[in-house]
Amino acid sequence: MWWPTWTGCGRSAEAAIEAVTPGQVLAACAGAGVFVTLAFLVLSRTWPIAMAIGAFAAYAPIALLRHRVRQRRSELREVWPDIVDNGGQRTNESMAAR
């Protein structure tokens, strides 16, 4: 499927937000986009401006999810550096022994 990669929906487990499904992320994108588009349409009375700002708002849940994934990876990297380093050294040693 193309949409979990495109939206970042498949990354909710990586972001430690297992309760959020891909459908919920897409619904949040659609809801944010429609709400902000209509709000800016009322404020500006210009469709192109409202649509452009609504498109940015529709991407916000995906950007937030991707940010959370990067943040979580960074936190895990800080917590587990010795295990990763030791595991990498052992792999290199076993490869050299062959």
C-alpha atoms as a PDB file:
ATOM      1  CA  MET A   1       0.000   0.000   0.000  1.00  0.00           C
ATOM      2  CA  TRP A   2       1.295   3.460  -0.829  1.00  0.00           C
ATOM      3  CA  TRP A   3      -0.532   5.624   1.719  1.00  0.00           C
ATOM      4  CA  PRO A   4       1.024   4.452   5.011  1.00  0.00           C
ATOM      5  CA  THR A   5       4.462   5.436   3.705  1.00  0.00           C
ATOM      6  CA  TRP A   6       3.196   8.637   2.159  1.00  0.00           C
ATOM      7  CA  THR A   7       1.360   9.763   5.262  1.00  0.00           C
ATOM      8  CA  GLY A   8       3.700   8.323   7.829  1.00  0.00           C
ATOM      9  CA  CYS A   9       0.749   6.439   9.311  1.00  0.00           C
ATOM     10  CA  GLY A  10       2.724   3.249   9.615  1.00  0.00           C
ATOM     11  CA  ARG A  11       5.031   5.024  12.014  1.00  0.00           C
ATOM     12  CA  SER A  12       2.574   5.455  14.863  1.00  0.00           C
ATOM     13  CA  ALA A  13       4.101   2.462  16.656  1.00  0.00           C
ATOM     14  CA  GLU A  14       7.578   3.951  16.207  1.00  0.00           C
ATOM     15  CA  ALA A  15       6.327   7.169  17.755  1.00  0.00           C
ATOM     16  CA  ALA A  16       5.016   5.207  20.768  1.00  0.00           C
ATOM     17  CA  ILE A  17       1.454   6.120  19.853  1.00  0.00           C
ATOM     18  CA  GLU A  18       0.099   2.632  19.230  1.00  0.00           C
ATOM     19  CA  ALA A  19      -3.514   3.665  19.898  1.00  0.00           C
ATOM     20  CA  VAL A  20      -3.583   5.852  16.768  1.00  0.00           C
ATOM     21  CA  THR A  21      -4.587   3.999  13.615  1.00  0.00           C
ATOM     22  CA  PRO A  22      -3.788   5.078  10.048  1.00  0.00           C
ATOM     23  CA  GLY A  23      -7.466   5.876   9.534  1.00  0.00           C
ATOM     24  CA  GLN A  24      -7.446   8.209  12.514  1.00  0.00           C
ATOM     25  CA  VAL A  25      -4.407  10.038  11.169  1.00  0.00           C
ATOM     26  CA  LEU A  26      -6.069  10.463   7.786  1.00  0.00           C
ATOM     27  CA  ALA A  27      -9.274  11.646   9.461  1.00  0.00           C
ATOM     28  CA  ALA A  28      -7.272  14.176  11.484  1.00  0.00           C
ATOM     29  CA  CYS A  29      -5.624  15.399   8.271  1.00  0.00           C
ATOM     30  CA  ALA A  30      -8.961  15.776   6.515  1.00  0.00           C
ATOM     31  CA  GLY A  31     -10.590  17.417   9.529  1.00  0.00           C
ATOM     32  CA  ALA A  32      -7.765  19.898  10.035  1.00  0.00           C
ATOM     33  CA  GLY A  33      -7.645  20.732   6.337  1.00  0.00           C
ATOM     34  CA  VAL A  34     -11.386  21.305   6.007  1.00  0.00           C
ATOM     35  CA  PHE A  35     -11.680  23.265   9.244  1.00  0.00           C
ATOM     36  CA  VAL A  36      -8.767  25.587   8.502  1.00  0.00           C
ATOM     37  CA  THR A  37      -9.836  26.018   4.874  1.00  0.00           C
ATOM     38  CA  LEU A  38     -13.329  27.058   5.920  1.00  0.00           C
ATOM     39  CA  ALA A  39     -12.012  29.305   8.689  1.00  0.00           C
ATOM     40  CA  PHE A  40      -9.668  31.129   6.326  1.00  0.00           C
ATOM     41  CA  LEU A  41     -12.350  31.287   3.663  1.00  0.00           C
ATOM     42  CA  VAL A  42     -14.545  33.146   6.128  1.00  0.00           C
ATOM     43  CA  LEU A  43     -11.672  35.425   7.139  1.00  0.00           C
ATOM     44  CA  SER A  44     -10.120  36.133   3.742  1.00  0.00           C
ATOM     45  CA  ARG A  45     -13.047  35.416   1.366  1.00  0.00           C
ATOM     46  CA  THR A  46     -10.478  34.146  -1.132  1.00  0.00           C
ATOM     47  CA  TRP A  47     -10.518  30.484  -2.205  1.00  0.00           C
ATOM     48  CA  PRO A  48      -6.858  30.193  -3.316  1.00  0.00           C
ATOM     49  CA  ILE A  49      -5.524  31.547  -0.023  1.00  0.00           C
ATOM     50  CA  ALA A  50      -7.908  29.421   2.030  1.00  0.00           C
ATOM     51  CA  MET A  51      -7.016  26.276   0.053  1.00  0.00           C
ATOM     52  CA  ALA A  52      -3.271  26.882   0.371  1.00  0.00           C
ATOM     53  CA  ILE A  53      -3.428  27.402   4.116  1.00  0.00           C
ATOM     54  CA  GLY A  54      -5.811  24.453   4.435  1.00  0.00           C
ATOM     55  CA  ALA A  55      -3.315  22.234   2.609  1.00  0.00           C
ATOM     56  CA  PHE A  56      -0.620  23.168   5.117  1.00  0.00           C
ATOM     57  CA  ALA A  57      -3.022  22.450   7.966  1.00  0.00           C
ATOM     58  CA  ALA A  58      -3.914  19.068   6.467  1.00  0.00           C
ATOM     59  CA  TYR A  59      -0.235  18.100   6.563  1.00  0.00           C
ATOM     60  CA  ALA A  60       0.161  19.104  10.224  1.00  0.00           C
ATOM     61  CA  PRO A  61      -0.843  15.733  11.792  1.00  0.00           C
ATOM     62  CA  ILE A  62       1.629  13.914   9.536  1.00  0.00           C
ATOM     63  CA  ALA A  63       4.398  16.384  10.358  1.00  0.00           C
ATOM     64  CA  LEU A  64       3.653  15.997  14.055  1.00  0.00           C
ATOM     65  CA  LEU A  65       3.807  12.208  13.780  1.00  0.00           C
ATOM     66  CA  ARG A  66       7.098  12.314  11.873  1.00  0.00           C
ATOM     67  CA  HIS A  67       8.533  14.747  14.425  1.00  0.00           C
ATOM     68  CA  ARG A  68       7.527  12.404  17.233  1.00  0.00           C
ATOM     69  CA  VAL A  69       9.223   9.466  15.459  1.00  0.00           C
ATOM     70  CA  ARG A  70      12.480  11.435  15.119  1.00  0.00           C
ATOM     71  CA  GLN A  71      12.260  12.554  18.738  1.00  0.00           C
ATOM     72  CA  ARG A  72      11.666   8.993  19.968  1.00  0.00           C
ATOM     73  CA  ARG A  73      14.550   7.616  17.898  1.00  0.00           C
ATOM     74  CA  SER A  74      16.818  10.269  19.378  1.00  0.00           C
ATOM     75  CA  GLU A  75      15.686   9.401  22.904  1.00  0.00           C
ATOM     76  CA  LEU A  76      16.277   5.698  22.295  1.00  0.00           C
ATOM     77  CA  ARG A  77      19.686   6.426  20.780  1.00  0.00           C
ATOM     78  CA  GLU A  78      20.695   8.262  23.958  1.00  0.00           C
ATOM     79  CA  VAL A  79      19.439   5.472  26.208  1.00  0.00           C
ATOM     80  CA  TRP A  80      20.951   2.526  24.321  1.00  0.00           C
ATOM     81  CA  PRO A  81      24.296   3.672  22.838  1.00  0.00           C
ATOM     82  CA  ASP A  82      26.417   1.054  24.591  1.00  0.00           C
ATOM     83  CA  ILE A  83      24.259  -1.852  23.467  1.00  0.00           C
ATOM     84  CA  VAL A  84      24.322  -0.668  19.870  1.00  0.00           C
ATOM     85  CA  ASP A  85      28.075  -0.046  19.957  1.00  0.00           C
ATOM     86  CA  ASN A  86      28.825  -3.402  21.592  1.00  0.00           C
ATOM     87  CA  GLY A  87      26.538  -5.228  19.190  1.00  0.00           C
ATOM     88  CA  GLY A  88      28.225  -3.569  16.244  1.00  0.00           C
ATOM     89  CA  GLN A  89      31.677  -4.447  17.547  1.00  0.00           C
ATOM     90  CA  ARG A  90      30.705  -8.083  18.058  1.00  0.00           C
ATOM     91  CA  THR A  91      29.326  -8.239  14.541  1.00  0.00           C
ATOM     92  CA  ASN A  92      32.534  -6.773  13.143  1.00  0.00           C
ATOM     93  CA  GLU A  93      34.625  -9.212  15.184  1.00  0.00           C
ATOM     94  CA  SER A  94      32.617 -12.203  14.004  1.00  0.00           C
ATOM     95  CA  MET A  95      32.886 -11.047  10.402  1.00  0.00           C
ATOM     96  CA  ALA A  96      36.653 -10.651  10.746  1.00  0.00           C
ATOM     97  CA  ALA A  97      37.008 -14.121  12.259  1.00  0.00           C
ATOM     98  CA  ARG A  98      35.580 -15.758   9.120  1.00  0.00           C
END
